[in-house]
N, C-alpha and C. Protein backbone atom coordinates (compact mmCIF):
# COMPACT_ATOMS: atom_id res chain seq x y z
N MET A 1 248.59 117.39 193.58
CA MET A 1 248.55 116.08 192.95
C MET A 1 248.88 116.25 191.46
N LYS A 2 249.35 115.18 190.85
CA LYS A 2 249.64 115.18 189.43
C LYS A 2 248.56 114.38 188.71
N HIS A 3 248.44 114.61 187.40
CA HIS A 3 247.45 113.90 186.60
C HIS A 3 247.61 112.38 186.78
N SER A 4 248.85 111.92 186.85
CA SER A 4 249.10 110.47 186.98
C SER A 4 248.63 109.89 188.33
N ASP A 5 248.33 110.75 189.31
CA ASP A 5 247.83 110.30 190.61
C ASP A 5 246.36 109.89 190.56
N PHE A 6 245.67 110.24 189.48
CA PHE A 6 244.23 110.04 189.42
C PHE A 6 243.86 108.78 188.65
N LYS A 7 242.92 108.06 189.24
CA LYS A 7 242.29 106.91 188.61
C LYS A 7 240.82 107.01 188.97
N ILE A 8 239.97 106.35 188.24
CA ILE A 8 238.55 106.37 188.57
C ILE A 8 238.39 105.87 190.00
N GLY A 9 237.71 106.67 190.81
CA GLY A 9 237.49 106.33 192.22
C GLY A 9 238.41 107.06 193.18
N THR A 10 239.48 107.71 192.68
CA THR A 10 240.39 108.45 193.55
C THR A 10 239.63 109.54 194.28
N LYS A 11 239.80 109.59 195.61
CA LYS A 11 239.15 110.64 196.42
C LYS A 11 240.19 111.69 196.75
N TYR A 12 239.77 112.96 196.71
CA TYR A 12 240.69 114.06 197.02
C TYR A 12 239.90 115.27 197.49
N GLN A 13 240.64 116.31 197.91
CA GLN A 13 240.03 117.55 198.41
C GLN A 13 240.62 118.73 197.65
N THR A 14 239.93 119.87 197.74
CA THR A 14 240.44 121.12 197.20
C THR A 14 240.54 122.12 198.36
N CYS A 15 241.20 123.26 198.11
CA CYS A 15 241.41 124.24 199.18
C CYS A 15 240.10 124.82 199.71
N THR A 16 239.01 124.62 199.00
CA THR A 16 237.72 125.11 199.45
C THR A 16 237.09 124.20 200.50
N GLY A 17 237.76 123.07 200.77
CA GLY A 17 237.23 122.12 201.74
C GLY A 17 236.28 121.10 201.12
N GLN A 18 236.09 121.18 199.81
CA GLN A 18 235.20 120.25 199.14
C GLN A 18 235.89 118.90 198.94
N HIS A 19 235.11 117.84 199.02
CA HIS A 19 235.61 116.49 198.81
C HIS A 19 235.10 116.01 197.46
N TRP A 20 235.98 115.37 196.68
CA TRP A 20 235.67 114.96 195.32
C TRP A 20 236.05 113.50 195.11
N ARG A 21 235.40 112.88 194.10
CA ARG A 21 235.78 111.54 193.66
C ARG A 21 235.91 111.56 192.15
N CYS A 22 237.05 111.10 191.66
CA CYS A 22 237.32 111.06 190.22
C CYS A 22 236.38 110.07 189.55
N THR A 23 235.76 110.49 188.44
CA THR A 23 234.85 109.62 187.70
C THR A 23 235.34 109.28 186.30
N ASP A 24 236.35 110.02 185.81
CA ASP A 24 236.91 109.74 184.48
C ASP A 24 238.26 110.43 184.37
N VAL A 25 239.18 109.80 183.65
CA VAL A 25 240.52 110.36 183.45
C VAL A 25 240.74 110.53 181.96
N GLY A 26 240.98 111.79 181.55
CA GLY A 26 241.30 112.08 180.16
C GLY A 26 242.80 112.25 179.99
N LYS A 27 243.21 112.73 178.82
CA LYS A 27 244.64 112.93 178.56
C LYS A 27 245.22 114.07 179.38
N ARG A 28 244.45 115.18 179.57
CA ARG A 28 244.95 116.34 180.32
C ARG A 28 244.03 116.77 181.44
N THR A 29 242.86 116.19 181.54
CA THR A 29 241.87 116.58 182.54
C THR A 29 241.29 115.34 183.21
N ILE A 30 240.56 115.60 184.28
CA ILE A 30 239.77 114.53 184.88
C ILE A 30 238.35 115.07 185.09
N LEU A 31 237.42 114.17 185.26
CA LEU A 31 236.06 114.51 185.69
C LEU A 31 235.91 114.01 187.11
N ALA A 32 235.15 114.76 187.90
CA ALA A 32 234.93 114.36 189.29
C ALA A 32 233.56 114.82 189.75
N ILE A 33 233.05 114.14 190.74
CA ILE A 33 231.80 114.56 191.39
C ILE A 33 232.13 115.01 192.80
N GLU A 34 231.41 116.02 193.24
CA GLU A 34 231.60 116.50 194.61
C GLU A 34 230.82 115.60 195.55
N ILE A 35 231.50 115.12 196.57
CA ILE A 35 230.87 114.26 197.57
C ILE A 35 230.36 115.15 198.70
N LYS A 36 229.06 115.35 198.72
CA LYS A 36 228.44 116.19 199.75
C LYS A 36 227.85 115.28 200.82
N PRO A 37 228.32 115.43 202.07
CA PRO A 37 227.87 114.51 203.13
C PRO A 37 226.37 114.57 203.40
N GLU A 38 225.73 115.70 203.07
CA GLU A 38 224.30 115.81 203.36
C GLU A 38 223.42 115.04 202.36
N LEU A 39 224.02 114.55 201.27
CA LEU A 39 223.25 113.81 200.27
C LEU A 39 223.32 112.31 200.53
N ASP A 40 222.28 111.62 200.12
CA ASP A 40 222.23 110.18 200.24
C ASP A 40 223.32 109.58 199.34
N PRO A 41 224.01 108.52 199.80
CA PRO A 41 225.08 107.91 198.98
C PRO A 41 224.62 107.46 197.59
N ALA A 42 223.32 107.22 197.42
CA ALA A 42 222.81 106.82 196.10
C ALA A 42 223.07 107.88 195.03
N TRP A 43 223.18 109.13 195.44
CA TRP A 43 223.44 110.22 194.49
C TRP A 43 224.80 110.06 193.82
N PHE A 44 225.71 109.33 194.46
CA PHE A 44 227.08 109.23 193.97
C PHE A 44 227.35 107.93 193.22
N LYS A 45 226.29 107.14 192.96
CA LYS A 45 226.43 105.91 192.19
C LYS A 45 226.21 106.23 190.72
N GLY A 46 227.02 105.68 189.88
CA GLY A 46 226.89 105.94 188.46
C GLY A 46 228.05 105.31 187.71
N PRO A 47 228.25 105.65 186.49
CA PRO A 47 227.50 106.65 185.73
C PRO A 47 226.18 106.10 185.22
N PRO A 48 225.28 106.95 184.86
CA PRO A 48 225.27 108.41 185.04
C PRO A 48 225.05 108.76 186.51
N TYR A 49 225.51 109.94 186.88
CA TYR A 49 225.42 110.40 188.27
C TYR A 49 224.27 111.40 188.42
N ALA A 50 223.70 111.43 189.62
CA ALA A 50 222.61 112.38 189.92
C ALA A 50 223.17 113.76 190.24
N VAL A 51 224.48 113.85 190.46
CA VAL A 51 225.15 115.14 190.71
C VAL A 51 226.03 115.44 189.50
N PRO A 52 226.32 116.72 189.25
CA PRO A 52 227.10 117.06 188.06
C PRO A 52 228.56 116.60 188.15
N GLU A 53 229.09 116.18 187.00
CA GLU A 53 230.52 115.90 186.90
C GLU A 53 231.21 117.20 186.52
N VAL A 54 232.32 117.50 187.18
CA VAL A 54 233.04 118.75 186.98
C VAL A 54 234.41 118.43 186.37
N VAL A 55 234.83 119.24 185.40
CA VAL A 55 236.13 119.07 184.76
C VAL A 55 237.20 119.78 185.57
N PHE A 56 238.32 119.10 185.83
CA PHE A 56 239.48 119.69 186.48
C PHE A 56 240.63 119.63 185.48
N ASN A 57 241.24 120.80 185.20
CA ASN A 57 242.39 120.82 184.29
C ASN A 57 243.68 120.57 185.05
N GLU A 58 244.81 120.55 184.32
CA GLU A 58 246.10 120.23 184.94
C GLU A 58 246.47 121.19 186.07
N LYS A 59 246.17 122.47 185.89
CA LYS A 59 246.52 123.45 186.92
C LYS A 59 245.68 123.21 188.18
N GLU A 60 244.39 122.95 188.00
CA GLU A 60 243.51 122.69 189.14
C GLU A 60 243.90 121.39 189.86
N LEU A 61 244.37 120.41 189.09
CA LEU A 61 244.80 119.15 189.71
C LEU A 61 246.00 119.38 190.62
N GLY A 62 246.85 120.35 190.26
CA GLY A 62 248.01 120.67 191.07
C GLY A 62 247.65 121.25 192.42
N ARG A 63 246.43 121.76 192.54
CA ARG A 63 245.97 122.33 193.81
C ARG A 63 245.18 121.33 194.65
N ALA A 64 245.00 120.13 194.12
CA ALA A 64 244.25 119.09 194.83
C ALA A 64 245.19 118.33 195.76
N TYR A 65 244.63 117.73 196.79
CA TYR A 65 245.42 116.95 197.74
C TYR A 65 244.55 115.87 198.36
N ARG A 66 245.23 114.81 198.80
CA ARG A 66 244.51 113.69 199.42
C ARG A 66 244.23 113.92 200.89
N THR A 67 245.16 114.59 201.59
CA THR A 67 245.02 114.81 203.02
C THR A 67 245.47 116.23 203.36
N ILE A 68 245.09 116.70 204.53
CA ILE A 68 245.54 118.01 205.01
C ILE A 68 247.06 118.02 205.13
N LYS A 69 247.63 116.92 205.64
CA LYS A 69 249.09 116.84 205.78
C LYS A 69 249.76 117.01 204.42
N GLU A 70 249.23 116.37 203.40
CA GLU A 70 249.80 116.50 202.05
C GLU A 70 249.74 117.95 201.57
N ALA A 71 248.64 118.65 201.84
CA ALA A 71 248.50 120.05 201.44
C ALA A 71 249.54 120.92 202.13
N ILE A 72 249.76 120.68 203.41
CA ILE A 72 250.74 121.47 204.16
C ILE A 72 252.14 121.19 203.65
N MET A 73 252.47 119.94 203.43
CA MET A 73 253.81 119.58 202.93
C MET A 73 254.05 120.20 201.55
N GLU A 74 253.07 120.20 200.70
CA GLU A 74 253.21 120.80 199.37
C GLU A 74 253.45 122.30 199.48
N SER A 75 252.76 122.96 200.39
CA SER A 75 252.88 124.42 200.49
C SER A 75 254.26 124.86 200.97
N VAL A 76 254.97 124.00 201.68
CA VAL A 76 256.30 124.37 202.16
C VAL A 76 257.43 123.72 201.36
N SER A 77 257.08 122.95 200.35
CA SER A 77 258.10 122.28 199.55
C SER A 77 258.66 123.21 198.49
N GLU A 78 259.76 122.81 197.90
CA GLU A 78 260.36 123.61 196.83
C GLU A 78 259.53 123.54 195.57
N ARG A 79 258.63 122.59 195.45
CA ARG A 79 257.78 122.48 194.27
C ARG A 79 256.60 123.44 194.34
N SER A 80 256.45 124.16 195.43
CA SER A 80 255.34 125.08 195.60
C SER A 80 255.30 126.08 194.46
N ALA A 81 254.10 126.52 194.10
CA ALA A 81 253.92 127.46 192.99
C ALA A 81 254.66 128.77 193.23
N HIS A 82 254.87 129.15 194.48
CA HIS A 82 255.54 130.40 194.81
C HIS A 82 256.64 130.18 195.84
N PRO A 83 257.69 129.42 195.46
CA PRO A 83 258.75 129.19 196.44
C PRO A 83 259.43 130.49 196.82
N GLY A 84 259.73 130.63 198.09
CA GLY A 84 260.42 131.82 198.56
C GLY A 84 259.51 133.00 198.87
N PHE A 85 258.24 132.91 198.55
CA PHE A 85 257.33 133.99 198.90
C PHE A 85 257.14 133.98 200.41
N PRO A 86 257.05 135.14 201.02
CA PRO A 86 256.78 135.17 202.45
C PRO A 86 255.46 134.46 202.76
N ASN A 87 255.40 133.83 203.91
CA ASN A 87 254.22 133.09 204.31
C ASN A 87 252.96 133.94 204.27
N ASP A 88 253.04 135.21 204.73
CA ASP A 88 251.83 136.04 204.75
C ASP A 88 251.32 136.31 203.34
N ALA A 89 252.21 136.52 202.38
CA ALA A 89 251.78 136.73 200.99
C ALA A 89 251.13 135.47 200.43
N SER A 90 251.74 134.32 200.68
CA SER A 90 251.18 133.05 200.21
C SER A 90 249.82 132.79 200.83
N MET A 91 249.67 133.11 202.11
CA MET A 91 248.39 132.89 202.79
C MET A 91 247.31 133.79 202.23
N ILE A 92 247.63 135.06 201.95
CA ILE A 92 246.66 135.99 201.36
C ILE A 92 246.19 135.44 200.02
N MET A 93 247.13 135.01 199.20
CA MET A 93 246.79 134.50 197.87
C MET A 93 245.98 133.21 197.96
N MET A 94 246.36 132.31 198.85
CA MET A 94 245.64 131.06 199.02
C MET A 94 244.22 131.31 199.53
N ARG A 95 244.09 132.24 200.47
CA ARG A 95 242.77 132.56 201.03
C ARG A 95 241.82 133.04 199.93
N GLU A 96 242.34 133.83 199.00
CA GLU A 96 241.50 134.35 197.92
C GLU A 96 240.97 133.24 197.02
N THR A 97 241.77 132.20 196.76
CA THR A 97 241.29 131.11 195.91
C THR A 97 240.20 130.30 196.60
N CYS A 98 240.06 130.45 197.92
CA CYS A 98 239.00 129.78 198.66
C CYS A 98 237.78 130.67 198.86
N ASN A 99 237.86 131.90 198.39
CA ASN A 99 236.80 132.88 198.54
C ASN A 99 235.64 132.53 197.60
N PRO A 100 234.39 132.58 198.07
CA PRO A 100 233.25 132.27 197.20
C PRO A 100 233.19 133.16 195.95
N THR A 101 233.64 134.40 196.05
CA THR A 101 233.64 135.29 194.88
C THR A 101 234.57 134.73 193.80
N TYR A 102 235.71 134.20 194.21
CA TYR A 102 236.65 133.58 193.26
C TYR A 102 235.98 132.41 192.54
N ARG A 103 235.26 131.59 193.29
CA ARG A 103 234.62 130.41 192.70
C ARG A 103 233.56 130.79 191.69
N GLU A 104 232.89 131.96 191.87
CA GLU A 104 231.83 132.34 190.93
C GLU A 104 232.36 133.13 189.74
N TYR A 105 233.63 133.52 189.76
CA TYR A 105 234.20 134.30 188.66
C TYR A 105 234.24 133.44 187.39
N PRO A 106 233.65 133.93 186.29
CA PRO A 106 233.50 133.09 185.10
C PRO A 106 234.75 132.94 184.23
N HIS A 107 235.81 133.72 184.47
CA HIS A 107 236.98 133.68 183.58
C HIS A 107 238.25 133.37 184.35
N LYS A 108 238.26 132.26 185.07
CA LYS A 108 239.42 131.93 185.91
C LYS A 108 240.70 131.75 185.08
N GLU A 109 240.55 131.42 183.79
CA GLU A 109 241.74 131.26 182.96
C GLU A 109 242.55 132.55 182.88
N LEU A 110 241.90 133.69 183.05
CA LEU A 110 242.60 134.98 183.07
C LEU A 110 243.55 135.06 184.26
N LEU A 111 243.24 134.37 185.34
CA LEU A 111 244.04 134.43 186.56
C LEU A 111 245.20 133.43 186.54
N GLU A 112 245.33 132.66 185.48
CA GLU A 112 246.36 131.64 185.42
C GLU A 112 247.63 132.12 184.72
N ILE A 113 247.61 133.34 184.19
CA ILE A 113 248.74 133.82 183.39
C ILE A 113 249.28 135.11 183.96
N ASP A 114 250.57 135.11 184.36
CA ASP A 114 251.21 136.35 184.80
C ASP A 114 251.32 137.30 183.61
N ARG A 115 251.36 138.59 183.90
CA ARG A 115 251.44 139.60 182.86
C ARG A 115 252.50 140.63 183.23
N VAL A 116 252.94 141.38 182.22
CA VAL A 116 253.88 142.47 182.42
C VAL A 116 253.19 143.75 181.99
N ASP A 117 253.14 144.77 182.88
CA ASP A 117 252.50 146.02 182.50
C ASP A 117 253.48 146.92 181.75
N THR A 118 253.03 148.09 181.35
CA THR A 118 253.84 149.00 180.53
C THR A 118 255.09 149.49 181.25
N ASP A 119 255.13 149.42 182.58
CA ASP A 119 256.31 149.84 183.35
C ASP A 119 257.28 148.67 183.59
N GLY A 120 256.96 147.49 183.06
CA GLY A 120 257.82 146.33 183.28
C GLY A 120 257.50 145.57 184.56
N GLU A 121 256.44 145.96 185.24
CA GLU A 121 256.04 145.28 186.48
C GLU A 121 255.41 143.93 186.14
N ILE A 122 255.84 142.89 186.83
CA ILE A 122 255.25 141.57 186.66
C ILE A 122 254.06 141.47 187.61
N LEU A 123 252.90 141.17 187.04
CA LEU A 123 251.66 141.06 187.82
C LEU A 123 251.24 139.61 187.88
N ASP A 124 251.10 139.10 189.08
CA ASP A 124 250.67 137.73 189.32
C ASP A 124 249.23 137.78 189.83
N PRO A 125 248.23 137.57 188.94
CA PRO A 125 246.84 137.63 189.40
C PRO A 125 246.51 136.43 190.29
N TYR A 126 245.85 136.70 191.41
CA TYR A 126 245.58 135.61 192.36
C TYR A 126 244.13 135.60 192.85
N GLY A 127 243.33 136.59 192.50
CA GLY A 127 241.95 136.62 192.99
C GLY A 127 241.15 137.71 192.32
N VAL A 128 239.88 137.79 192.70
CA VAL A 128 238.96 138.78 192.14
C VAL A 128 238.05 139.30 193.23
N LYS A 129 237.47 140.46 192.97
CA LYS A 129 236.37 140.95 193.79
C LYS A 129 235.43 141.73 192.89
N ARG A 130 234.20 141.82 193.31
CA ARG A 130 233.19 142.55 192.53
C ARG A 130 233.27 144.03 192.85
N LYS A 131 233.03 144.85 191.83
CA LYS A 131 232.88 146.29 192.03
C LYS A 131 231.75 146.72 191.11
N GLY A 132 230.60 146.97 191.72
CA GLY A 132 229.42 147.29 190.92
C GLY A 132 229.07 146.10 190.04
N LYS A 133 228.97 146.35 188.72
CA LYS A 133 228.67 145.28 187.78
C LYS A 133 229.94 144.67 187.20
N GLY A 134 231.11 145.21 187.56
CA GLY A 134 232.36 144.74 187.01
C GLY A 134 233.16 143.91 187.98
N TRP A 135 234.36 143.56 187.56
CA TRP A 135 235.26 142.75 188.35
C TRP A 135 236.59 143.47 188.52
N ILE A 136 237.19 143.30 189.67
CA ILE A 136 238.53 143.81 189.96
C ILE A 136 239.45 142.60 190.06
N ILE A 137 240.59 142.67 189.39
CA ILE A 137 241.59 141.61 189.45
C ILE A 137 242.57 141.96 190.57
N LEU A 138 242.79 141.05 191.49
CA LEU A 138 243.74 141.23 192.58
C LEU A 138 245.08 140.66 192.13
N CYS A 139 246.15 141.46 192.23
CA CYS A 139 247.46 141.05 191.73
C CYS A 139 248.53 141.24 192.80
N LEU A 140 249.55 140.40 192.70
CA LEU A 140 250.77 140.60 193.46
C LEU A 140 251.79 141.20 192.49
N SER A 141 252.31 142.37 192.81
CA SER A 141 253.36 143.01 192.01
C SER A 141 254.68 142.41 192.44
N ILE A 142 255.32 141.69 191.54
CA ILE A 142 256.53 140.96 191.88
C ILE A 142 257.74 141.90 192.05
N VAL A 143 257.91 142.86 191.13
CA VAL A 143 259.09 143.74 191.17
C VAL A 143 258.99 144.73 192.32
N ARG A 144 257.88 145.43 192.43
CA ARG A 144 257.70 146.42 193.51
C ARG A 144 257.30 145.76 194.83
N TRP A 145 256.97 144.50 194.77
CA TRP A 145 256.55 143.67 195.90
C TRP A 145 255.44 144.31 196.71
N GLY A 146 254.24 144.03 196.29
CA GLY A 146 253.08 144.49 197.02
C GLY A 146 251.82 144.04 196.30
N PHE A 147 250.70 144.23 196.96
CA PHE A 147 249.41 143.84 196.39
C PHE A 147 248.77 145.05 195.75
N GLN A 148 248.07 144.84 194.63
CA GLN A 148 247.36 145.93 193.97
C GLN A 148 246.11 145.38 193.31
N ASP A 149 245.17 146.29 193.05
CA ASP A 149 243.92 145.95 192.38
C ASP A 149 243.92 146.59 191.01
N SER A 150 243.27 145.95 190.04
CA SER A 150 243.15 146.51 188.70
C SER A 150 241.81 146.08 188.14
N CYS A 151 241.09 147.00 187.49
CA CYS A 151 239.83 146.57 186.87
C CYS A 151 240.18 145.60 185.74
N ARG A 152 239.32 144.66 185.48
CA ARG A 152 239.60 143.60 184.51
C ARG A 152 239.89 144.18 183.14
N LYS A 153 239.12 145.16 182.72
CA LYS A 153 239.30 145.74 181.38
C LYS A 153 240.69 146.36 181.26
N ARG A 154 241.11 147.10 182.28
CA ARG A 154 242.43 147.73 182.27
C ARG A 154 243.53 146.67 182.33
N PHE A 155 243.33 145.67 183.15
CA PHE A 155 244.30 144.59 183.28
C PHE A 155 244.55 143.92 181.93
N CYS A 156 243.49 143.66 181.18
CA CYS A 156 243.63 143.02 179.87
C CYS A 156 244.23 143.97 178.84
N ALA A 157 243.90 145.26 178.94
CA ALA A 157 244.32 146.22 177.93
C ALA A 157 245.78 146.63 178.05
N VAL A 158 246.28 146.86 179.26
CA VAL A 158 247.63 147.41 179.41
C VAL A 158 248.68 146.35 179.71
N ALA A 159 248.29 145.17 180.05
CA ALA A 159 249.26 144.16 180.45
C ALA A 159 249.56 143.21 179.29
N LYS A 160 250.81 142.90 179.09
CA LYS A 160 251.23 141.93 178.09
C LYS A 160 251.29 140.57 178.76
N ILE A 161 250.74 139.58 178.08
CA ILE A 161 250.71 138.23 178.62
C ILE A 161 252.08 137.60 178.47
N ILE A 162 252.55 136.98 179.52
CA ILE A 162 253.84 136.29 179.48
C ILE A 162 253.60 134.88 178.94
N GLY A 163 254.25 134.56 177.84
CA GLY A 163 254.22 133.19 177.33
C GLY A 163 253.06 132.85 176.41
N LYS A 164 252.15 133.78 176.15
CA LYS A 164 251.06 133.52 175.21
C LYS A 164 250.81 134.78 174.41
N ARG A 165 250.24 134.59 173.24
CA ARG A 165 249.89 135.76 172.43
C ARG A 165 248.66 136.42 173.02
N ASP A 166 248.65 137.75 173.05
CA ASP A 166 247.54 138.51 173.65
C ASP A 166 246.20 138.14 173.05
N GLU A 167 246.13 138.09 171.74
CA GLU A 167 244.82 137.84 171.12
C GLU A 167 244.28 136.46 171.44
N GLU A 168 245.15 135.46 171.65
CA GLU A 168 244.68 134.12 172.01
C GLU A 168 243.99 134.14 173.37
N ALA A 169 244.65 134.71 174.37
CA ALA A 169 244.12 134.70 175.72
C ALA A 169 242.93 135.63 175.85
N GLU A 170 243.01 136.82 175.26
CA GLU A 170 241.91 137.79 175.40
C GLU A 170 240.69 137.36 174.62
N GLY A 171 240.87 136.51 173.60
CA GLY A 171 239.72 136.00 172.87
C GLY A 171 238.83 135.12 173.71
N ASN A 172 239.37 134.60 174.82
CA ASN A 172 238.59 133.74 175.72
C ASN A 172 237.82 134.52 176.76
N LEU A 173 237.96 135.84 176.79
CA LEU A 173 237.29 136.62 177.82
C LEU A 173 235.89 136.92 177.38
């Protein structure tokens, strides 16, 4: 979905299967409440709401959809985030964004920017997993074509950010 698709009251879903209702539209973001079927409908009356309002940025809005059919059509369209990627690679990456570990990762903005390592390999981060007290960044290597893992510290240290200055992005970690 695009930002212009949202108005207060718009209902939509995310790849995690959650159902949401838009409660406010800003210039680049929206606010929404999660509609949980196990809660009494009174929880969703507001504002103010008895459930938390969550901010969705432009990138997250692009992953939202109104129906399952819309989600499928988007995934096979030329507007897809990864046109031409083999279906199995796209499915692996999509599955990771639905993983509970991904949802609890506190620095998702790190996963929104492709990077180039010292060998010129383009790394497309698509997920995370825990390792002890740290985090592992899951990447798709575009040039060598394959999946690889990198510890977050190493990923930030050796990879150059494409399209942003390193200190700007790393300052948010």
